[in-house]
Every structure is written in structure tokens, then in C-alpha cells.
Protein backbone atom coordinates (compact mmCIF):
# COMPACT_ATOMS: atom_id res chain seq x y z
CA MET A 1 0.17 0.01 0.06
CA THR A 2 1.40 3.84 -0.76
CA ALA A 3 2.66 5.37 2.58
CA GLN A 4 -0.06 7.38 3.58
CA THR A 5 0.54 11.02 3.34
CA SER A 6 -1.84 13.81 5.53
CA PHE A 7 -4.09 15.40 2.61
CA ARG A 8 -5.49 19.48 2.09
CA SER A 9 -8.52 20.20 0.72
CA PRO A 10 -10.77 23.58 0.27
CA SER A 11 -13.88 23.94 3.17
CA ARG A 12 -16.99 22.35 1.64
CA PRO A 13 -19.77 23.82 3.36
CA GLY A 14 -22.37 22.18 4.41
CA ARG A 15 -20.97 18.95 4.01
CA SER A 16 -19.64 18.10 7.54
CA VAL A 17 -21.49 17.74 10.86
CA LEU A 18 -19.21 20.15 12.60
CA GLY A 19 -18.98 22.72 10.01
CA LEU A 20 -15.07 23.09 10.54
CA THR A 21 -12.71 24.86 7.60
CA VAL A 22 -10.52 22.10 5.91
CA ILE A 23 -6.84 23.40 5.11
CA LEU A 24 -4.82 22.22 2.50
CA GLY A 25 -1.50 20.44 3.27
CA LEU A 26 -0.25 17.50 1.44
CA ALA A 27 3.77 16.85 1.55
CA LEU A 28 4.43 14.73 -1.18
CA VAL A 29 7.14 16.03 -3.58
CA VAL A 30 6.11 14.08 -6.71
CA GLY A 31 9.73 14.72 -8.88
CA ALA A 32 8.40 13.27 -11.85
CA CYS A 33 5.61 16.31 -12.14
CA SER A 34 7.74 19.18 -11.06
CA PRO A 35 7.27 22.27 -13.58
CA SER A 36 10.44 22.11 -14.81
CA GLY A 37 9.55 18.78 -16.81
CA GLY A 38 11.94 16.52 -15.85
CA LEU A 39 10.31 12.68 -15.55
CA GLY A 40 12.98 11.04 -13.13
CA THR A 41 13.85 7.36 -14.48
CA VAL A 42 12.47 6.64 -17.29
CA PRO A 43 10.29 3.21 -17.68
CA PRO A 44 11.98 0.82 -19.11
CA VAL A 45 8.57 -0.38 -20.86
CA GLU A 46 6.66 1.19 -23.26
CA PRO A 47 2.43 1.88 -22.85
CA THR A 48 0.79 0.51 -25.41
CA PRO A 49 -2.35 2.05 -27.11
CA SER A 50 -5.56 -0.36 -26.36
CA ALA A 51 -6.07 -1.77 -30.38
CA ASP A 52 -9.66 -1.15 -29.57
CA PRO A 53 -10.64 1.70 -27.53
CA THR A 54 -14.04 2.12 -27.72
CA ASP A 55 -14.00 6.00 -26.34
CA GLY A 56 -12.13 7.10 -29.28
CA GLY A 57 -9.20 7.45 -26.93
CA PRO A 58 -5.82 6.42 -27.98
CA ASP A 59 -4.18 7.16 -24.24
CA LEU A 60 -4.53 3.25 -22.64
CA THR A 61 -7.66 3.64 -21.91
CA PRO A 62 -10.55 1.92 -23.36
CA ALA A 63 -13.84 1.27 -21.13
CA PRO A 64 -13.13 -2.26 -19.43
CA THR A 65 -14.65 -4.79 -21.68
CA GLY A 66 -15.90 -7.13 -18.89
CA ASP A 67 -19.49 -6.74 -17.49
CA PRO A 68 -18.90 -4.74 -13.86
CA THR A 69 -22.44 -5.76 -12.58
CA VAL A 70 -21.36 -9.13 -12.26
CA SER A 71 -19.18 -9.05 -9.17
CA PRO A 72 -18.35 -12.43 -7.55
CA LEU A 73 -17.26 -12.82 -3.62
CA PRO A 74 -13.63 -14.73 -3.80
CA SER A 75 -14.11 -17.65 -2.14
CA GLU A 76 -11.60 -16.88 0.86
CA PRO A 77 -11.08 -13.39 2.97
CA GLY A 78 -8.43 -11.60 0.64
CA ALA A 79 -8.52 -13.68 -2.46
CA SER A 80 -8.76 -11.61 -6.05
CA PRO A 81 -11.45 -12.88 -8.43
CA THR A 82 -8.91 -10.94 -11.19
CA SER A 83 -5.97 -14.13 -10.70
CA GLY A 84 -5.00 -16.29 -12.33
CA PRO A 85 -1.64 -18.03 -14.05
CA THR A 86 0.95 -15.08 -14.81
CA GLU A 87 3.56 -17.20 -16.37
CA SER A 88 1.42 -17.88 -19.70
CA PRO A 89 1.53 -15.20 -22.43
CA THR A 90 -1.71 -16.03 -23.48
CA VAL A 91 -3.41 -14.52 -21.06
CA GLU A 92 -5.76 -11.79 -22.54
CA THR A 93 -5.84 -8.56 -19.95
CA ILE A 94 -7.81 -5.28 -20.12
CA ILE A 95 -7.31 -2.16 -18.61
CA VAL A 96 -8.92 -0.10 -15.84
CA ARG A 97 -8.58 3.13 -13.89
CA THR A 98 -7.67 4.00 -10.16
CA TYR A 99 -8.06 7.38 -8.90
CA GLY A 100 -4.93 8.46 -6.40
CA VAL A 101 -3.95 11.94 -5.01
CA LEU A 102 -1.19 13.91 -6.68
CA SER A 103 0.33 16.50 -4.82
CA GLY A 104 0.99 20.29 -5.25
CA ASP A 105 -0.14 23.89 -4.48
CA VAL A 106 -3.34 25.35 -4.16
CA GLY A 107 -4.94 24.53 -7.33
CA VAL A 108 -2.76 21.69 -8.68
CA GLU A 109 -3.30 18.85 -5.77
CA GLY A 110 -6.02 16.58 -6.31
CA LEU A 111 -7.55 13.54 -7.87
CA VAL A 112 -5.64 11.83 -11.07
CA ALA A 113 -6.43 8.72 -13.07
CA THR A 114 -3.96 5.85 -13.55
CA LEU A 115 -3.93 2.07 -15.54
CA GLN A 116 -3.69 -0.61 -14.54
CA VAL A 117 -3.18 -3.99 -16.60
CA ILE A 118 -5.39 -6.82 -15.17
CA PRO A 119 -6.20 -10.20 -16.49
CA THR A 120 -9.70 -10.32 -17.81
CA THR A 121 -12.45 -10.41 -15.55
CA ASP A 122 -16.52 -10.31 -16.33
CA GLY A 123 -16.08 -8.13 -12.49
CA VAL A 124 -14.23 -5.64 -13.55
CA ALA A 125 -15.93 -2.99 -10.98
CA ARG A 126 -14.66 -5.40 -8.00
CA ALA A 127 -11.14 -6.32 -10.33
CA ALA A 128 -10.64 -2.40 -10.22
CA MET A 129 -11.54 -1.70 -6.53
CA GLU A 130 -8.80 -4.74 -5.79
CA GLN A 131 -6.63 -2.73 -7.68
CA LEU A 132 -7.48 0.19 -5.96
CA LEU A 133 -7.18 -0.76 -2.21
CA ALA A 134 -4.15 -2.87 -2.79
CA GLY A 135 -2.58 1.09 -3.08
CA ASN A 136 -2.03 -0.05 -7.21
CA LEU A 137 -1.21 3.67 -8.17
CA ALA A 138 1.50 5.19 -10.81
CA GLU A 139 5.05 5.89 -8.99
CA GLY A 140 4.51 9.54 -7.08
CA VAL A 141 0.72 9.06 -7.07
CA SER A 142 -0.32 8.55 -2.97
CA SER A 143 -3.44 7.05 -1.94
CA ALA A 144 -5.58 7.86 1.24
CA ILE A 145 -7.42 5.12 1.83
CA PRO A 146 -6.11 3.78 5.26
CA ASP A 147 -3.81 0.29 4.95
CA GLY A 148 -5.93 -3.13 5.56
CA THR A 149 -8.87 -1.68 3.91
CA ARG A 150 -10.63 -4.43 2.39
CA LEU A 151 -13.86 -5.20 -0.22
CA LEU A 152 -16.85 -7.15 1.25
CA GLY A 153 -19.11 -6.70 -1.62
CA VAL A 154 -20.10 -4.72 -4.90
CA SER A 155 -23.13 -4.32 -6.80
CA ILE A 156 -24.55 -2.31 -9.48
CA LYS A 157 -28.46 -1.61 -9.64
CA ASP A 158 -29.87 1.32 -11.81
CA ARG A 159 -26.52 3.16 -12.22
CA VAL A 160 -25.70 2.89 -8.77
CA ALA A 161 -22.84 0.72 -7.28
CA THR A 162 -23.31 -0.11 -3.94
CA VAL A 163 -19.87 -0.79 -2.26
CA ASP A 164 -19.43 -2.41 1.04
CA LEU A 165 -15.75 -2.40 2.78
CA SER A 166 -14.29 -3.46 5.91
CA SER A 167 -14.41 -0.78 9.17
CA ALA A 168 -10.38 0.29 8.18
CA PHE A 169 -11.76 2.64 5.74
CA GLU A 170 -13.01 4.72 8.40
CA THR A 171 -9.91 4.86 10.47
CA GLY A 172 -7.38 7.69 11.04
CA GLY A 173 -6.91 10.70 9.22
CA GLY A 174 -9.16 14.08 9.32
CA SER A 175 -11.16 15.63 6.72
CA ALA A 176 -9.22 16.20 4.03
CA SER A 177 -8.25 12.62 4.29
CA SER A 178 -11.45 11.23 4.32
CA PHE A 179 -12.76 13.16 1.18
CA TYR A 180 -10.47 12.47 -0.58
CA ARG A 181 -10.49 8.56 0.04
CA LEU A 182 -14.33 8.96 -0.76
CA GLY A 183 -13.39 10.51 -3.77
CA GLN A 184 -10.67 7.84 -4.65
CA VAL A 185 -13.59 4.93 -4.63
CA VAL A 186 -16.28 7.07 -6.09
CA TYR A 187 -13.92 8.09 -9.25
CA THR A 188 -12.76 4.61 -9.78
CA LEU A 189 -16.14 3.08 -9.81
CA THR A 190 -17.69 5.74 -11.74
CA GLN A 191 -15.26 4.92 -14.60
CA PHE A 192 -17.94 2.37 -15.71
CA SER A 193 -20.66 3.97 -18.13
CA SER A 194 -23.19 1.66 -15.89
CA VAL A 195 -22.16 3.90 -12.39
CA GLY A 196 -23.42 6.73 -12.18
CA ALA A 197 -22.92 7.31 -8.18
CA VAL A 198 -22.06 5.38 -5.41
CA LEU A 199 -23.52 4.32 -2.46
CA PHE A 200 -21.11 3.62 0.70
CA GLN A 201 -21.38 1.02 3.06
CA VAL A 202 -19.26 -0.07 6.34
CA GLU A 203 -19.63 -3.64 7.17
CA GLY A 204 -22.52 -3.43 5.87
CA ARG A 205 -24.41 -0.77 7.44
CA THR A 206 -25.24 2.37 5.07
CA VAL A 207 -23.17 5.11 5.73
CA THR A 208 -24.68 8.42 6.22
CA THR A 209 -21.74 10.18 8.17
CA PHE A 210 -18.28 9.43 7.90
CA GLY A 211 -14.92 10.33 9.21
CA PRO A 212 -13.96 11.77 12.40
CA GLU A 213 -15.54 15.05 11.27
CA GLY A 214 -19.11 13.63 10.36
CA ILE A 215 -18.65 14.26 6.34
CA ILE A 216 -22.70 13.96 5.74
CA LEU A 217 -23.14 11.75 3.29
CA ASP A 218 -26.78 11.80 1.87
CA GLY A 219 -27.36 8.87 -0.44
CA PRO A 220 -25.45 7.72 -3.42
CA GLN A 221 -22.68 9.89 -3.96
CA THR A 222 -21.44 11.67 -7.56
CA ARG A 223 -17.57 13.09 -9.74
CA ALA A 224 -19.78 16.44 -8.78
CA ASP A 225 -19.56 15.96 -4.90
CA PHE A 226 -15.94 15.78 -4.81
CA GLU A 227 -15.20 18.59 -7.46
CA ASP A 228 -13.11 20.38 -4.50
CA GLN A 229 -10.79 17.14 -4.47
CA LEU A 230 -9.69 18.07 -8.03
CA PRO A 231 -6.83 20.70 -9.35
CA SER A 232 -8.29 23.75 -11.20
CA ILE A 233 -7.20 21.76 -14.30
CA PHE A 234 -8.61 18.97 -14.16
CA VAL A 235 -7.22 15.95 -17.35
CA ASP A 236 -8.97 12.86 -17.12
CA ARG A 237 -7.83 11.91 -20.18
CA PRO A 238 -4.76 11.09 -20.61
CA ALA A 239 -4.29 9.33 -17.13
CA PHE A 240 -1.22 9.70 -15.60
CA GLY A 241 1.96 7.99 -16.96
CA ALA A 242 0.01 7.04 -20.65
CA ALA A 243 0.61 7.03 -24.13
CA ILE A 244 -0.99 9.42 -25.42
CA GLY A 245 -1.20 8.64 -29.38
CA ASN A 246 -0.74 11.78 -31.66
CA PRO A 247 -2.53 13.54 -32.43
CA ALA A 248 -3.63 13.56 -28.63
CA ARG A 249 -6.72 13.77 -26.86
CA ILE A 250 -7.33 15.74 -24.06
CA ALA A 251 -10.34 15.57 -21.81
CA GLY A 252 -11.40 17.11 -18.42
CA ASN A 253 -12.37 19.73 -16.90
CA ALA A 254 -11.39 23.22 -15.14
CA ASN A 255 -12.55 26.22 -13.41
CA VAL A 256 -10.07 28.83 -13.83
CA PHE A 257 -10.85 32.21 -15.20
CA GLU A 258 -12.78 32.95 -18.16
CA ALA A 259 -13.03 29.23 -18.89
CA THR A 260 -9.44 29.56 -20.67
CA PHE A 261 -5.99 27.71 -19.56
CA MET A 262 -3.28 26.59 -21.65
CA ILE A 263 -1.80 23.28 -22.66
CA THR A 264 1.98 22.91 -23.35
CA ILE A 265 3.41 19.32 -24.26
CA LEU A 266 7.11 18.73 -23.68
CA ASP A 267 9.28 16.51 -25.67
CA GLY A 268 11.53 14.43 -23.34
CA SER A 269 14.65 17.23 -23.93
CA ALA A 270 12.01 19.85 -22.01
CA ARG A 271 11.63 20.82 -25.73
CA THR A 272 8.03 22.63 -26.44
CA VAL A 273 6.60 20.69 -29.08
CA TYR A 274 2.53 22.28 -28.37
CA GLU A 275 1.44 24.84 -26.89
CA HIS A 276 -1.60 26.29 -27.58
CA ASN A 277 -5.00 28.15 -25.36
CA ALA A 278 -7.55 25.76 -24.72
CA MET A 279 -11.34 26.58 -22.96
CA ALA A 280 -13.91 24.49 -20.69
CA THR A 281 -17.46 25.12 -20.79
CA CYS A 282 -17.55 27.35 -18.13
CA GLY A 283 -15.24 29.25 -16.05
CA THR A 284 -14.51 32.12 -13.00
CA GLY A 285 -16.60 29.80 -10.24
CA CYS A 286 -17.81 27.24 -12.40
CA ARG A 287 -16.36 23.76 -13.42
CA GLY A 288 -16.74 23.29 -17.20
CA THR A 289 -15.61 20.83 -19.55
CA PHE A 290 -12.85 20.18 -22.52
CA ASP A 291 -12.02 18.03 -24.67
CA VAL A 292 -9.33 18.36 -27.32
CA THR A 293 -7.42 16.73 -30.11
CA VAL A 294 -3.95 17.98 -30.82
CA ASP A 295 -1.49 17.09 -33.21
CA TYR A 296 2.32 17.37 -31.98
CA ASP A 297 5.86 16.79 -33.55
CA VAL A 298 8.45 14.34 -32.21
CA ALA A 299 10.82 12.11 -34.45
CA LYS A 300 11.04 9.56 -32.28
CA ALA A 301 8.70 7.56 -30.01
CA GLN A 302 9.53 8.97 -26.11
CA TRP A 303 8.48 9.97 -22.44
CA GLY A 304 7.70 13.32 -22.52
CA THR A 305 4.94 15.59 -20.50
CA LEU A 306 1.54 16.49 -21.11
CA ARG A 307 1.55 19.98 -19.10
CA VAL A 308 -1.33 22.00 -18.25
CA TRP A 309 -1.25 25.51 -16.34
CA VAL A 310 -2.74 29.15 -16.86
CA SER A 311 -0.85 32.46 -17.38
CA SER A 312 -1.42 34.53 -14.30
CA ALA A 313 -3.49 37.95 -14.67
CA ARG A 314 -1.00 39.98 -12.71
CA ASP A 315 1.78 39.40 -14.64
CA GLY A 316 1.82 36.33 -17.15
CA LEU A 317 3.66 33.69 -15.96
CA PRO A 318 2.56 29.95 -15.65
CA GLU A 319 0.32 29.39 -12.44
CA ASP A 320 -1.96 26.00 -11.67
CA VAL A 321 0.92 24.15 -13.40
CA ARG A 322 0.32 20.38 -13.52
CA ASP A 323 2.65 17.97 -14.88
CA TYR A 324 2.02 14.54 -16.41
CA PRO A 325 4.44 12.25 -17.94
CA VAL A 326 2.91 11.00 -21.15
CA TRP A 327 4.58 8.46 -24.24
CA LEU A 328 4.87 10.78 -27.24
CA THR A 329 5.12 9.22 -30.97
CA PRO A 330 5.47 10.60 -33.99
CA ALA A 331 2.15 11.40 -36.03
CA SER A 332 0.80 8.70 -37.86
């Protein structure tokens, strides 16, 4: 399990019984995401885009092909229904997402998607949750979910996933950590088109207040309930460490001044190979979506950086800079 850190989050009026203001404060420094463009150690194996990205995206994150409503319980405590013979080169795999927390300053820190390759299974929702609880996230991405949290059950009906977790899920941390762990589960399960909201249970009990600060969970939770746990510019595709193709599809949502922000792509030498402004559907106090396709120029496949940022209204300098390591390829 990824080492636990102390988390920060903006205040969420009306969501806590105690009405406390939550102060942002995450200490993990991610070298792979520094604004300088450095990516740390280059992984020895390059990511391979999916042969059949059902959503049209080239970034190694198609919609999983299994049925998320099929969630067989393991035969023994701790057993994984997705386990199989790892030595066979013919094992078919699928890709699922797990959501962790990327550290940074206010406007940069927040949830981020990472990718997991798992054996093909009919119970993809359960498999994704097992990966999340095991702490399987990209290097440099942390988790707010306490060690020892177990998945007791997950079922999906009428686009609501009911997830039952062990009592460890409620332990430790303050409001910020609690909001993040809830958000990680909600985002991980709502990657599936059949899930629009998540109902939380702990040891079979439906949760109405959660964590030491009494966070109110008034029914099933959606992604919109955890907007405070997002950076100002949230890139959901490509995921952290994914291949982005060329042209590259970049999609997510943002809450920035006048809905305008910048997209920069840097090659492995930190040379700018693409830079242009982009716009969300809403901004300056509201969160709007964006989905753009861009071309960039590299001579060979290599690791690079996708950078999103805003230009300061005061001096034009970059603000809210968030970097993603990405695999770049020449135009096809």
C-alpha cells in the first residue's frame, strides 16, 4: 500500500456536521511532475495504446470490456477473483483505472487517474476496486485509503454502485483525507458507463456520516460531490503515465478565470513541441468540460510531459501548473 500522507482540501460548507474549514496541506513532492519538465527514471517498457479504444481515445484507457455488474465474491478472505496463471503469455488482459492523489500547491493538488493492466474478468468493477485498495497507483501518486481496507462486496443496480468496505476504511486522518478516500472510490467506480453514483457501506451498514469530522453522505455520491478534490485543471484523459497518441486527445474539466487555460507538450529534452490555449465550457467559479485533439511533432517515440496551466492575470507567469508524464509518438 502506498505510504499515507496528510491531505489538504478546500472547505466544503454544508458537508460536515462540525462545519470545520479544511486547510490544504499535502507534503509529498512528486519529482515526475515538477514544472521543470523532469520525469525521473524512464520506465524500461513503453506503454502500448489499446487496439480497440471504445471511446475513441488513444491513451490506453478504453472502457473495460467486462460486465461491471458481475462481481463474484472471492472464495476466501483476501482472495482475488482476477488472479490467474501469471506465467502464461496468452492471458488476455484489460485496462482499468484507479484514482489516487497527486500532490501540489492549491489549485494543483487533487485526484488523478492511473492505469492498471489486469487479467480479463467479468467482474471489472470489483477488480478495479481491488486494485485501488491494494494501493496500485502510478509512481509518485499517493492514496488516502487506510492500509488494511478490504472490499466486502460491490453490486450495481439502476446506475448506483453499492460498495461495502471493511471498518478500516473509516479509520485515521481528518476531513481532507476522508474526502479524498471517498473521492478515490467514487471516481474509480464511475469510470464505468453503468455507474453514475456510489452508495457507501461499512461492514454492511449504509454510511450517512463519515470520518472523524462527520462528513454527511446524503445518499449515493457522484463525481460532482468531489469537485473540491480536483485541481483547477483536471485532465482525466490521458491518465498519468499513459500513451497519448498523435494526434493526442486531451479531456477533462476546469474551473479557471474566463474558462481559458494553456496546454503544453514537452518532449524528453523539455523542448516545447506543442503549446496553445484551450477553453472549458464554463469558468470563473464554475467547472466546465473540455475535450480537444492536438498534433505535436517528435522524431521518435519517447517519454515527455503534458503540462496544463493558466497565465497569471498579474504578470502572465504560469500558475496552477500540473504535469503528467506521457508517452509521445511520431504522427501516424
